[in-house]
Amino acid sequence: MAAASSPRERYREQIRAEIKQRAWGQIAASGASALSLNAIAKQVGMSGPALYRYFAGRDELITELIRDAYRSLADAVRAAFEAGAGVAEIAHVMREWALADPHRYFLIYGTPVPGYHAPADTTAISNEIMTVLLAAYDRLPARAATAFDAHLAAHSPAPATLRRALSFWTRVHGVLSLELAGHFTGMGFDPALLFADEVEQLLS
């Protein structure tokens, strides 16, 4: 059994959680590139230097937000898969997750934050999402091999499964990014129907 955390540790985690909540608010209002630790410090009622006891700097805070976003999406995708969802259902879970908080989506799949250099392991959680997609595609009937499948022949898992998962990844995120950025506005069609059609095409 894990040891209970001390009141001091719980207080520290509460403050870190509030700092991250304020950071998400700033990102929603002005974008990640405008994130200001001094502004956050004022919002939580502490000095700028005091906030650095909780996060060493802007990059560490952004890294925590990115990891939280990846974890949230990975957990949603895995929960859907473990509940019996197939590829199409997983796609819609991803869309619902993205629409619920576009700024969170864009932090991990949008334009890189200027001046921010992510640690090498920052996106490691995203591998969990791909693992679920590969498992979901393994449930589907095989399709004819392509030239790109041959290119992937040295990879594991099976090239055909990997190819289908990569197609899913690129097309789903392509549609989601365009939708969340507002590029379908005024075009006279329902983005949800376009998304569903893309998913159906991927499965045909």
N, C-alpha and C. Protein backbone atom coordinates (compact mmCIF):
# COMPACT_ATOMS: atom_id res chain seq x y z
N MET A 1 0.84 -1.19 0.00
CA MET A 1 0.00 0.00 0.00
C MET A 1 0.88 1.24 0.00
N ALA A 2 0.59 2.20 -0.85
CA ALA A 2 1.39 3.41 -0.94
C ALA A 2 1.20 4.25 0.31
N ALA A 3 2.29 4.89 0.74
CA ALA A 3 2.23 5.74 1.91
C ALA A 3 1.38 6.97 1.62
N ALA A 4 0.60 7.39 2.63
CA ALA A 4 -0.25 8.58 2.47
C ALA A 4 0.64 9.81 2.35
N SER A 5 0.24 10.73 1.49
CA SER A 5 1.02 11.96 1.33
C SER A 5 0.81 12.87 2.53
N SER A 6 1.79 13.69 2.79
CA SER A 6 1.71 14.60 3.92
C SER A 6 0.85 15.80 3.55
N PRO A 7 0.33 16.55 4.56
CA PRO A 7 -0.43 17.77 4.26
C PRO A 7 0.35 18.74 3.37
N ARG A 8 1.65 18.83 3.58
CA ARG A 8 2.47 19.73 2.77
C ARG A 8 2.49 19.28 1.32
N GLU A 9 2.63 17.97 1.11
CA GLU A 9 2.65 17.44 -0.26
C GLU A 9 1.30 17.64 -0.95
N ARG A 10 0.20 17.43 -0.19
CA ARG A 10 -1.12 17.64 -0.76
C ARG A 10 -1.34 19.10 -1.13
N TYR A 11 -0.86 20.00 -0.27
CA TYR A 11 -0.99 21.43 -0.56
C TYR A 11 -0.20 21.79 -1.81
N ARG A 12 1.00 21.23 -1.93
CA ARG A 12 1.83 21.51 -3.11
C ARG A 12 1.12 21.05 -4.38
N GLU A 13 0.52 19.86 -4.35
CA GLU A 13 -0.20 19.36 -5.52
C GLU A 13 -1.42 20.20 -5.84
N GLN A 14 -2.09 20.71 -4.82
CA GLN A 14 -3.23 21.60 -5.04
C GLN A 14 -2.80 22.88 -5.74
N ILE A 15 -1.68 23.44 -5.29
CA ILE A 15 -1.18 24.68 -5.91
C ILE A 15 -0.74 24.41 -7.34
N ARG A 16 -0.06 23.31 -7.57
CA ARG A 16 0.35 22.97 -8.94
C ARG A 16 -0.87 22.78 -9.84
N ALA A 17 -1.90 22.15 -9.32
CA ALA A 17 -3.12 21.96 -10.11
C ALA A 17 -3.77 23.30 -10.43
N GLU A 18 -3.78 24.22 -9.48
CA GLU A 18 -4.37 25.54 -9.74
C GLU A 18 -3.54 26.31 -10.76
N ILE A 19 -2.22 26.20 -10.67
CA ILE A 19 -1.35 26.87 -11.64
C ILE A 19 -1.64 26.34 -13.05
N LYS A 20 -1.79 25.03 -13.17
CA LYS A 20 -2.08 24.45 -14.49
C LYS A 20 -3.45 24.88 -14.99
N GLN A 21 -4.41 24.96 -14.09
CA GLN A 21 -5.75 25.41 -14.48
C GLN A 21 -5.69 26.84 -15.01
N ARG A 22 -4.95 27.70 -14.33
CA ARG A 22 -4.80 29.09 -14.78
C ARG A 22 -4.06 29.15 -16.12
N ALA A 23 -3.10 28.27 -16.28
CA ALA A 23 -2.35 28.23 -17.54
C ALA A 23 -3.26 27.86 -18.70
N TRP A 24 -4.14 26.87 -18.48
CA TRP A 24 -5.10 26.50 -19.53
C TRP A 24 -6.01 27.68 -19.87
N GLY A 25 -6.38 28.45 -18.87
CA GLY A 25 -7.19 29.63 -19.12
C GLY A 25 -6.47 30.63 -19.99
N GLN A 26 -5.19 30.85 -19.71
CA GLN A 26 -4.38 31.76 -20.54
C GLN A 26 -4.26 31.24 -21.96
N ILE A 27 -4.02 29.96 -22.10
CA ILE A 27 -3.87 29.37 -23.43
C ILE A 27 -5.16 29.53 -24.23
N ALA A 28 -6.30 29.32 -23.56
CA ALA A 28 -7.59 29.48 -24.24
C ALA A 28 -7.81 30.92 -24.69
N ALA A 29 -7.32 31.87 -23.89
CA ALA A 29 -7.54 33.29 -24.19
C ALA A 29 -6.55 33.85 -25.19
N SER A 30 -5.28 33.44 -25.09
CA SER A 30 -4.24 34.10 -25.89
C SER A 30 -3.29 33.15 -26.62
N GLY A 31 -3.42 31.84 -26.41
CA GLY A 31 -2.52 30.90 -27.06
C GLY A 31 -1.34 30.56 -26.17
N ALA A 32 -0.74 29.40 -26.42
CA ALA A 32 0.36 28.92 -25.59
C ALA A 32 1.59 29.81 -25.67
N SER A 33 1.80 30.47 -26.81
CA SER A 33 2.99 31.30 -26.96
C SER A 33 2.96 32.52 -26.05
N ALA A 34 1.76 32.89 -25.57
CA ALA A 34 1.63 34.07 -24.70
C ALA A 34 1.60 33.70 -23.22
N LEU A 35 1.86 32.44 -22.90
CA LEU A 35 1.80 31.99 -21.52
C LEU A 35 2.75 32.81 -20.65
N SER A 36 2.24 33.35 -19.54
CA SER A 36 3.03 34.21 -18.66
C SER A 36 2.97 33.68 -17.24
N LEU A 37 4.09 33.26 -16.71
CA LEU A 37 4.13 32.77 -15.34
C LEU A 37 3.87 33.88 -14.34
N ASN A 38 4.32 35.09 -14.63
CA ASN A 38 4.07 36.21 -13.72
C ASN A 38 2.58 36.51 -13.62
N ALA A 39 1.87 36.45 -14.75
CA ALA A 39 0.43 36.68 -14.73
C ALA A 39 -0.28 35.59 -13.94
N ILE A 40 0.17 34.35 -14.11
CA ILE A 40 -0.42 33.24 -13.35
C ILE A 40 -0.17 33.42 -11.87
N ALA A 41 1.04 33.85 -11.51
CA ALA A 41 1.38 34.06 -10.10
C ALA A 41 0.42 35.06 -9.46
N LYS A 42 0.11 36.14 -10.16
CA LYS A 42 -0.82 37.14 -9.63
C LYS A 42 -2.21 36.54 -9.45
N GLN A 43 -2.61 35.68 -10.39
CA GLN A 43 -3.95 35.09 -10.31
C GLN A 43 -4.09 34.15 -9.11
N VAL A 44 -3.00 33.48 -8.75
CA VAL A 44 -3.07 32.55 -7.62
C VAL A 44 -2.62 33.21 -6.32
N GLY A 45 -2.32 34.52 -6.38
CA GLY A 45 -2.00 35.26 -5.17
C GLY A 45 -0.61 35.04 -4.62
N MET A 46 0.37 34.90 -5.50
CA MET A 46 1.75 34.76 -5.04
C MET A 46 2.67 35.59 -5.93
N SER A 47 3.89 35.77 -5.48
CA SER A 47 4.86 36.51 -6.28
C SER A 47 5.38 35.63 -7.40
N GLY A 48 5.96 36.29 -8.43
CA GLY A 48 6.56 35.53 -9.51
C GLY A 48 7.61 34.54 -9.03
N PRO A 49 8.58 34.99 -8.20
CA PRO A 49 9.60 34.06 -7.71
C PRO A 49 9.01 32.89 -6.92
N ALA A 50 7.90 33.14 -6.18
CA ALA A 50 7.30 32.06 -5.38
C ALA A 50 6.75 30.97 -6.28
N LEU A 51 6.23 31.35 -7.44
CA LEU A 51 5.66 30.35 -8.35
C LEU A 51 6.73 29.38 -8.84
N TYR A 52 7.97 29.85 -8.93
CA TYR A 52 9.05 28.99 -9.42
C TYR A 52 9.40 27.87 -8.44
N ARG A 53 8.80 27.91 -7.25
CA ARG A 53 8.98 26.77 -6.34
C ARG A 53 8.12 25.59 -6.78
N TYR A 54 7.14 25.85 -7.66
CA TYR A 54 6.23 24.81 -8.12
C TYR A 54 6.53 24.35 -9.54
N PHE A 55 7.01 25.27 -10.35
CA PHE A 55 7.45 24.95 -11.71
C PHE A 55 8.74 25.74 -11.98
N ALA A 56 9.74 25.03 -12.49
CA ALA A 56 11.04 25.67 -12.68
C ALA A 56 11.02 26.78 -13.73
N GLY A 57 10.04 26.75 -14.62
CA GLY A 57 9.96 27.76 -15.67
C GLY A 57 8.80 27.47 -16.60
N ARG A 58 8.67 28.32 -17.61
CA ARG A 58 7.58 28.16 -18.58
C ARG A 58 7.62 26.81 -19.26
N ASP A 59 8.80 26.35 -19.67
CA ASP A 59 8.91 25.10 -20.41
C ASP A 59 8.46 23.92 -19.58
N GLU A 60 8.79 23.91 -18.30
CA GLU A 60 8.36 22.80 -17.44
C GLU A 60 6.84 22.80 -17.32
N LEU A 61 6.24 23.98 -17.21
CA LEU A 61 4.78 24.07 -17.11
C LEU A 61 4.12 23.58 -18.40
N ILE A 62 4.65 24.03 -19.54
CA ILE A 62 4.09 23.58 -20.83
C ILE A 62 4.23 22.07 -20.97
N THR A 63 5.36 21.53 -20.57
CA THR A 63 5.57 20.08 -20.64
C THR A 63 4.53 19.33 -19.81
N GLU A 64 4.25 19.85 -18.61
CA GLU A 64 3.23 19.21 -17.77
C GLU A 64 1.86 19.27 -18.43
N LEU A 65 1.54 20.39 -19.06
CA LEU A 65 0.24 20.52 -19.74
C LEU A 65 0.15 19.56 -20.92
N ILE A 66 1.23 19.44 -21.66
CA ILE A 66 1.24 18.51 -22.81
C ILE A 66 1.07 17.07 -22.32
N ARG A 67 1.78 16.70 -21.29
CA ARG A 67 1.65 15.34 -20.76
C ARG A 67 0.23 15.08 -20.25
N ASP A 68 -0.35 16.07 -19.58
CA ASP A 68 -1.72 15.92 -19.09
C ASP A 68 -2.69 15.73 -20.26
N ALA A 69 -2.48 16.50 -21.33
CA ALA A 69 -3.38 16.40 -22.50
C ALA A 69 -3.25 15.03 -23.16
N TYR A 70 -2.03 14.58 -23.38
CA TYR A 70 -1.83 13.25 -23.97
C TYR A 70 -2.43 12.17 -23.08
N ARG A 71 -2.23 12.30 -21.76
CA ARG A 71 -2.76 11.30 -20.84
C ARG A 71 -4.28 11.26 -20.91
N SER A 72 -4.91 12.42 -20.95
CA SER A 72 -6.37 12.49 -21.02
C SER A 72 -6.89 11.81 -22.28
N LEU A 73 -6.26 12.09 -23.43
CA LEU A 73 -6.70 11.48 -24.68
C LEU A 73 -6.42 9.98 -24.68
N ALA A 74 -5.24 9.59 -24.24
CA ALA A 74 -4.89 8.17 -24.21
C ALA A 74 -5.86 7.39 -23.32
N ASP A 75 -6.22 7.96 -22.18
CA ASP A 75 -7.15 7.29 -21.27
C ASP A 75 -8.53 7.15 -21.90
N ALA A 76 -8.97 8.20 -22.62
CA ALA A 76 -10.28 8.16 -23.27
C ALA A 76 -10.32 7.10 -24.36
N VAL A 77 -9.25 7.04 -25.16
CA VAL A 77 -9.18 6.07 -26.25
C VAL A 77 -9.11 4.64 -25.69
N ARG A 78 -8.29 4.44 -24.69
CA ARG A 78 -8.16 3.09 -24.13
C ARG A 78 -9.45 2.65 -23.47
N ALA A 79 -10.11 3.54 -22.75
CA ALA A 79 -11.37 3.18 -22.10
C ALA A 79 -12.41 2.77 -23.13
N ALA A 80 -12.46 3.49 -24.25
CA ALA A 80 -13.41 3.14 -25.31
C ALA A 80 -13.09 1.77 -25.89
N PHE A 81 -11.80 1.52 -26.16
CA PHE A 81 -11.40 0.24 -26.74
C PHE A 81 -11.72 -0.91 -25.79
N GLU A 82 -11.42 -0.73 -24.52
CA GLU A 82 -11.65 -1.78 -23.54
C GLU A 82 -13.15 -2.03 -23.32
N ALA A 83 -13.96 -1.02 -23.68
CA ALA A 83 -15.42 -1.18 -23.59
C ALA A 83 -15.99 -1.81 -24.85
N GLY A 84 -15.10 -2.16 -25.80
CA GLY A 84 -15.53 -2.84 -27.01
C GLY A 84 -15.61 -1.97 -28.24
N ALA A 85 -15.18 -0.71 -28.17
CA ALA A 85 -15.25 0.18 -29.32
C ALA A 85 -14.34 -0.29 -30.43
N GLY A 86 -14.80 -0.12 -31.66
CA GLY A 86 -13.99 -0.40 -32.84
C GLY A 86 -13.33 0.87 -33.33
N VAL A 87 -12.73 0.80 -34.51
CA VAL A 87 -11.99 1.94 -35.06
C VAL A 87 -12.89 3.16 -35.23
N ALA A 88 -14.07 2.98 -35.79
CA ALA A 88 -14.96 4.12 -36.02
C ALA A 88 -15.36 4.78 -34.71
N GLU A 89 -15.70 3.96 -33.71
CA GLU A 89 -16.09 4.53 -32.42
C GLU A 89 -14.93 5.26 -31.76
N ILE A 90 -13.72 4.73 -31.90
CA ILE A 90 -12.55 5.39 -31.34
C ILE A 90 -12.33 6.74 -32.01
N ALA A 91 -12.55 6.80 -33.33
CA ALA A 91 -12.41 8.07 -34.05
C ALA A 91 -13.36 9.11 -33.47
N HIS A 92 -14.58 8.72 -33.20
CA HIS A 92 -15.55 9.67 -32.66
C HIS A 92 -15.23 10.07 -31.22
N VAL A 93 -14.65 9.16 -30.46
CA VAL A 93 -14.18 9.51 -29.12
C VAL A 93 -13.10 10.58 -29.22
N MET A 94 -12.19 10.44 -30.18
CA MET A 94 -11.13 11.43 -30.37
C MET A 94 -11.72 12.78 -30.77
N ARG A 95 -12.71 12.76 -31.65
CA ARG A 95 -13.33 14.02 -32.08
C ARG A 95 -14.04 14.70 -30.91
N GLU A 96 -14.78 13.93 -30.13
CA GLU A 96 -15.47 14.51 -28.98
C GLU A 96 -14.48 15.10 -27.98
N TRP A 97 -13.37 14.39 -27.78
CA TRP A 97 -12.33 14.90 -26.88
C TRP A 97 -11.77 16.22 -27.41
N ALA A 98 -11.50 16.30 -28.70
CA ALA A 98 -10.94 17.51 -29.31
C ALA A 98 -11.93 18.66 -29.25
N LEU A 99 -13.18 18.41 -29.57
CA LEU A 99 -14.19 19.47 -29.57
C LEU A 99 -14.46 19.99 -28.17
N ALA A 100 -14.29 19.14 -27.16
CA ALA A 100 -14.53 19.56 -25.78
C ALA A 100 -13.54 20.62 -25.33
N ASP A 101 -12.35 20.62 -25.90
CA ASP A 101 -11.33 21.61 -25.52
C ASP A 101 -10.34 21.76 -26.67
N PRO A 102 -10.67 22.57 -27.68
CA PRO A 102 -9.79 22.72 -28.84
C PRO A 102 -8.38 23.19 -28.50
N HIS A 103 -8.25 24.02 -27.46
CA HIS A 103 -6.92 24.54 -27.11
C HIS A 103 -6.01 23.43 -26.58
N ARG A 104 -6.62 22.48 -25.88
CA ARG A 104 -5.85 21.32 -25.41
C ARG A 104 -5.40 20.49 -26.61
N TYR A 105 -6.31 20.31 -27.57
CA TYR A 105 -5.97 19.56 -28.79
C TYR A 105 -4.82 20.23 -29.53
N PHE A 106 -4.92 21.54 -29.73
CA PHE A 106 -3.91 22.25 -30.51
C PHE A 106 -2.56 22.32 -29.80
N LEU A 107 -2.58 22.23 -28.47
CA LEU A 107 -1.30 22.24 -27.76
C LEU A 107 -0.47 21.03 -28.13
N ILE A 108 -1.14 19.88 -28.37
CA ILE A 108 -0.36 18.67 -28.70
C ILE A 108 -0.32 18.37 -30.19
N TYR A 109 -1.28 18.88 -30.97
CA TYR A 109 -1.29 18.56 -32.40
C TYR A 109 -1.23 19.79 -33.29
N GLY A 110 -1.10 20.96 -32.71
CA GLY A 110 -1.07 22.18 -33.49
C GLY A 110 0.34 22.70 -33.73
N THR A 111 0.43 23.99 -34.00
CA THR A 111 1.71 24.64 -34.27
C THR A 111 2.61 24.59 -33.04
N PRO A 112 3.88 24.23 -33.17
CA PRO A 112 4.78 24.21 -32.01
C PRO A 112 4.87 25.57 -31.33
N VAL A 113 5.04 25.57 -30.02
CA VAL A 113 5.16 26.81 -29.26
C VAL A 113 6.55 27.41 -29.52
N PRO A 114 6.63 28.65 -29.99
CA PRO A 114 7.93 29.25 -30.27
C PRO A 114 8.84 29.25 -29.03
N GLY A 115 10.06 28.80 -29.22
CA GLY A 115 11.03 28.80 -28.14
C GLY A 115 10.93 27.64 -27.18
N TYR A 116 9.92 26.81 -27.34
CA TYR A 116 9.76 25.68 -26.44
C TYR A 116 10.42 24.44 -27.02
N HIS A 117 11.20 23.77 -26.20
CA HIS A 117 11.88 22.55 -26.63
C HIS A 117 11.46 21.42 -25.69
N ALA A 118 10.64 20.53 -26.20
CA ALA A 118 10.09 19.46 -25.37
C ALA A 118 11.14 18.40 -25.05
N PRO A 119 11.12 17.86 -23.83
CA PRO A 119 11.97 16.71 -23.51
C PRO A 119 11.63 15.54 -24.43
N ALA A 120 12.59 14.67 -24.64
CA ALA A 120 12.41 13.57 -25.59
C ALA A 120 11.24 12.67 -25.24
N ASP A 121 10.92 12.56 -23.95
CA ASP A 121 9.86 11.64 -23.54
C ASP A 121 8.48 12.29 -23.48
N THR A 122 8.38 13.55 -23.88
CA THR A 122 7.11 14.27 -23.71
C THR A 122 5.97 13.60 -24.45
N THR A 123 6.22 13.13 -25.67
CA THR A 123 5.15 12.55 -26.47
C THR A 123 5.05 11.03 -26.32
N ALA A 124 5.76 10.47 -25.35
CA ALA A 124 5.77 9.01 -25.20
C ALA A 124 4.38 8.46 -24.96
N ILE A 125 3.54 9.22 -24.27
CA ILE A 125 2.19 8.73 -23.98
C ILE A 125 1.40 8.54 -25.26
N SER A 126 1.73 9.33 -26.31
CA SER A 126 0.99 9.19 -27.57
C SER A 126 1.17 7.80 -28.17
N ASN A 127 2.28 7.13 -27.82
CA ASN A 127 2.48 5.77 -28.31
C ASN A 127 1.40 4.82 -27.81
N GLU A 128 0.84 5.13 -26.62
CA GLU A 128 -0.24 4.31 -26.09
C GLU A 128 -1.47 4.39 -26.99
N ILE A 129 -1.71 5.58 -27.53
CA ILE A 129 -2.86 5.77 -28.42
C ILE A 129 -2.68 4.93 -29.68
N MET A 130 -1.48 4.98 -30.25
CA MET A 130 -1.21 4.19 -31.45
C MET A 130 -1.32 2.70 -31.15
N THR A 131 -0.89 2.27 -29.98
CA THR A 131 -1.01 0.87 -29.60
C THR A 131 -2.47 0.42 -29.59
N VAL A 132 -3.35 1.28 -29.08
CA VAL A 132 -4.78 0.96 -29.08
C VAL A 132 -5.31 0.90 -30.51
N LEU A 133 -4.91 1.85 -31.36
CA LEU A 133 -5.36 1.84 -32.75
C LEU A 133 -4.91 0.57 -33.47
N LEU A 134 -3.68 0.17 -33.24
CA LEU A 134 -3.18 -1.05 -33.87
C LEU A 134 -3.99 -2.27 -33.41
N ALA A 135 -4.31 -2.30 -32.12
CA ALA A 135 -5.11 -3.42 -31.61
C ALA A 135 -6.51 -3.40 -32.21
N ALA A 136 -7.08 -2.20 -32.40
CA ALA A 136 -8.41 -2.09 -32.99
C ALA A 136 -8.38 -2.54 -34.45
N TYR A 137 -7.32 -2.17 -35.18
CA TYR A 137 -7.22 -2.59 -36.58
C TYR A 137 -6.95 -4.09 -36.70
N ASP A 138 -6.31 -4.67 -35.73
CA ASP A 138 -6.07 -6.12 -35.77
C ASP A 138 -7.37 -6.91 -35.73
N ARG A 139 -8.43 -6.29 -35.25
CA ARG A 139 -9.72 -6.96 -35.20
C ARG A 139 -10.42 -6.98 -36.57
N LEU A 140 -9.93 -6.13 -37.49
CA LEU A 140 -10.59 -5.99 -38.79
C LEU A 140 -10.04 -7.00 -39.80
N PRO A 141 -10.83 -7.32 -40.84
CA PRO A 141 -10.34 -8.21 -41.90
C PRO A 141 -9.14 -7.58 -42.61
N ALA A 142 -8.24 -8.43 -43.10
CA ALA A 142 -7.06 -7.94 -43.83
C ALA A 142 -7.48 -7.37 -45.17
N ARG A 143 -6.66 -6.46 -45.71
CA ARG A 143 -6.90 -5.92 -47.05
C ARG A 143 -5.66 -6.18 -47.89
N ALA A 144 -5.77 -5.92 -49.18
CA ALA A 144 -4.65 -6.17 -50.09
C ALA A 144 -3.46 -5.27 -49.74
N ALA A 145 -2.26 -5.82 -49.89
CA ALA A 145 -1.04 -5.07 -49.59
C ALA A 145 -0.78 -3.99 -50.64
N THR A 146 -0.10 -2.92 -50.22
CA THR A 146 0.27 -1.82 -51.11
C THR A 146 1.78 -1.67 -51.13
N ALA A 147 2.28 -0.76 -51.98
CA ALA A 147 3.71 -0.50 -52.04
C ALA A 147 4.23 0.03 -50.71
N PHE A 148 3.41 0.85 -50.04
CA PHE A 148 3.84 1.38 -48.75
C PHE A 148 3.90 0.26 -47.71
N ASP A 149 3.01 -0.71 -47.83
CA ASP A 149 3.08 -1.87 -46.94
C ASP A 149 4.43 -2.57 -47.07
N ALA A 150 4.90 -2.69 -48.33
CA ALA A 150 6.20 -3.33 -48.57
C ALA A 150 7.31 -2.50 -47.92
N HIS A 151 7.18 -1.17 -47.99
CA HIS A 151 8.16 -0.28 -47.37
C HIS A 151 8.21 -0.50 -45.85
N LEU A 152 7.05 -0.85 -45.27
CA LEU A 152 6.96 -1.05 -43.83
C LEU A 152 7.26 -2.48 -43.40
N ALA A 153 7.70 -3.29 -44.34
CA ALA A 153 7.84 -4.73 -44.09
C ALA A 153 8.75 -5.05 -42.91
N ALA A 154 9.72 -4.17 -42.66
CA ALA A 154 10.67 -4.45 -41.58
C ALA A 154 10.13 -4.04 -40.21
N HIS A 155 8.94 -3.42 -40.20
CA HIS A 155 8.39 -2.93 -38.95
C HIS A 155 7.54 -3.99 -38.26
N SER A 156 7.35 -3.78 -36.98
CA SER A 156 6.41 -4.56 -36.20
C SER A 156 5.47 -3.57 -35.53
N PRO A 157 4.19 -3.79 -35.56
CA PRO A 157 3.44 -4.96 -35.98
C PRO A 157 3.37 -5.13 -37.48
N ALA A 158 2.43 -5.99 -37.91
CA ALA A 158 2.32 -6.33 -39.32
C ALA A 158 2.17 -5.07 -40.16
N PRO A 159 2.89 -4.98 -41.30
CA PRO A 159 2.84 -3.78 -42.14
C PRO A 159 1.43 -3.33 -42.52
N ALA A 160 0.55 -4.26 -42.84
CA ALA A 160 -0.80 -3.89 -43.25
C ALA A 160 -1.54 -3.22 -42.11
N THR A 161 -1.38 -3.74 -40.91
CA THR A 161 -2.03 -3.13 -39.74
C THR A 161 -1.46 -1.76 -39.46
N LEU A 162 -0.14 -1.63 -39.51
CA LEU A 162 0.51 -0.35 -39.27
C LEU A 162 0.09 0.67 -40.31
N ARG A 163 0.00 0.24 -41.57
CA ARG A 163 -0.39 1.16 -42.64
C ARG A 163 -1.79 1.69 -42.43
N ARG A 164 -2.70 0.84 -42.05
CA ARG A 164 -4.08 1.27 -41.83
C ARG A 164 -4.16 2.21 -40.62
N ALA A 165 -3.42 1.92 -39.59
CA ALA A 165 -3.43 2.79 -38.42
C ALA A 165 -2.84 4.17 -38.74
N LEU A 166 -1.79 4.19 -39.56
CA LEU A 166 -1.18 5.46 -39.95
C LEU A 166 -2.14 6.28 -40.81
N SER A 167 -2.88 5.62 -41.70
CA SER A 167 -3.87 6.32 -42.51
C SER A 167 -4.95 6.92 -41.63
N PHE A 168 -5.39 6.15 -40.65
CA PHE A 168 -6.37 6.66 -39.69
C PHE A 168 -5.81 7.90 -39.00
N TRP A 169 -4.59 7.80 -38.51
CA TRP A 169 -3.96 8.88 -37.74
C TRP A 169 -3.88 10.17 -38.56
N THR A 170 -3.42 10.08 -39.79
CA THR A 170 -3.22 11.29 -40.59
C THR A 170 -4.54 11.89 -41.04
N ARG A 171 -5.49 11.06 -41.46
CA ARG A 171 -6.75 11.60 -41.98
C ARG A 171 -7.65 12.13 -40.87
N VAL A 172 -7.73 11.42 -39.76
CA VAL A 172 -8.55 11.89 -38.66
C VAL A 172 -8.02 13.21 -38.12
N HIS A 173 -6.72 13.29 -37.91
CA HIS A 173 -6.17 14.54 -37.38
C HIS A 173 -6.21 15.66 -38.42
N GLY A 174 -6.15 15.32 -39.70
CA GLY A 174 -6.28 16.33 -40.73
C GLY A 174 -7.64 17.00 -40.69
N VAL A 175 -8.69 16.18 -40.62
CA VAL A 175 -10.05 16.73 -40.56
C VAL A 175 -10.27 17.49 -39.26
N LEU A 176 -9.82 16.91 -38.15
CA LEU A 176 -10.01 17.57 -36.86
C LEU A 176 -9.31 18.92 -36.81
N SER A 177 -8.08 19.00 -37.29
CA SER A 177 -7.34 20.26 -37.27
C SER A 177 -8.03 21.32 -38.09
N LEU A 178 -8.52 20.95 -39.27
CA LEU A 178 -9.23 21.92 -40.11
C LEU A 178 -10.53 22.37 -39.45
N GLU A 179 -11.25 21.43 -38.85
CA GLU A 179 -12.50 21.79 -38.19
C GLU A 179 -12.27 22.72 -37.01
N LEU A 180 -11.32 22.37 -36.16
CA LEU A 180 -11.09 23.17 -34.96
C LEU A 180 -10.52 24.54 -35.28
N ALA A 181 -9.82 24.66 -36.39
CA ALA A 181 -9.27 25.95 -36.79
C ALA A 181 -10.30 26.80 -37.54
N GLY A 182 -11.50 26.26 -37.74
CA GLY A 182 -12.57 27.04 -38.36
C GLY A 182 -12.55 27.09 -39.87
N HIS A 183 -11.78 26.21 -40.51
CA HIS A 183 -11.65 26.27 -41.97
C HIS A 183 -12.89 25.78 -42.71
N PHE A 184 -13.82 25.12 -42.01
CA PHE A 184 -15.05 24.68 -42.67
C PHE A 184 -16.18 25.69 -42.54
N THR A 185 -15.93 26.76 -41.79
CA THR A 185 -16.97 27.76 -41.58
C THR A 185 -17.41 28.38 -42.90
N GLY A 186 -18.71 28.44 -43.11
CA GLY A 186 -19.23 29.07 -44.32
C GLY A 186 -19.22 28.18 -45.55
N MET A 187 -18.78 26.94 -45.43
CA MET A 187 -18.71 26.06 -46.59
C MET A 187 -20.02 25.30 -46.82
N GLY A 188 -20.95 25.42 -45.88
CA GLY A 188 -22.28 24.88 -46.11
C GLY A 188 -22.48 23.41 -45.87
N PHE A 189 -21.59 22.75 -45.11
CA PHE A 189 -21.80 21.34 -44.79
C PHE A 189 -21.51 21.11 -43.31
N ASP A 190 -21.97 19.98 -42.83
CA ASP A 190 -21.82 19.62 -41.42
C ASP A 190 -20.47 18.91 -41.22
N PRO A 191 -19.54 19.51 -40.48
CA PRO A 191 -18.24 18.86 -40.25
C PRO A 191 -18.36 17.48 -39.62
N ALA A 192 -19.39 17.29 -38.79
CA ALA A 192 -19.56 15.98 -38.16
C ALA A 192 -19.83 14.90 -39.20
N LEU A 193 -20.61 15.26 -40.24
CA LEU A 193 -20.90 14.29 -41.30
C LEU A 193 -19.66 14.02 -42.15
N LEU A 194 -18.87 15.07 -42.39
CA LEU A 194 -17.62 14.88 -43.13
C LEU A 194 -16.70 13.95 -42.36
N PHE A 195 -16.57 14.18 -41.06
CA PHE A 195 -15.72 13.35 -40.21
C PHE A 195 -16.17 11.90 -40.26
N ALA A 196 -17.49 11.69 -40.11
CA ALA A 196 -18.03 10.33 -40.14
C ALA A 196 -17.78 9.67 -41.49
N ASP A 197 -17.89 10.44 -42.57
CA ASP A 197 -17.65 9.89 -43.90
C ASP A 197 -16.19 9.50 -44.09
N GLU A 198 -15.27 10.33 -43.60
CA GLU A 198 -13.85 10.01 -43.68
C GLU A 198 -13.55 8.70 -42.95
N VAL A 199 -14.13 8.56 -41.76
CA VAL A 199 -13.92 7.34 -40.98
C VAL A 199 -14.47 6.13 -41.74
N GLU A 200 -15.65 6.29 -42.32
CA GLU A 200 -16.25 5.20 -43.08
C GLU A 200 -15.38 4.81 -44.27
N GLN A 201 -14.81 5.83 -44.96
CA GLN A 201 -13.93 5.55 -46.08
C GLN A 201 -12.69 4.79 -45.62
N LEU A 202 -12.17 5.14 -44.46
CA LEU A 202 -11.01 4.44 -43.93
C LEU A 202 -11.30 2.97 -43.66
N LEU A 203 -12.55 2.67 -43.35
CA LEU A 203 -12.91 1.30 -43.01
C LEU A 203 -13.41 0.51 -44.20
N SER A 204 -13.60 1.19 -45.33
CA SER A 204 -14.16 0.49 -46.50
C SER A 204 -13.08 -0.29 -47.21
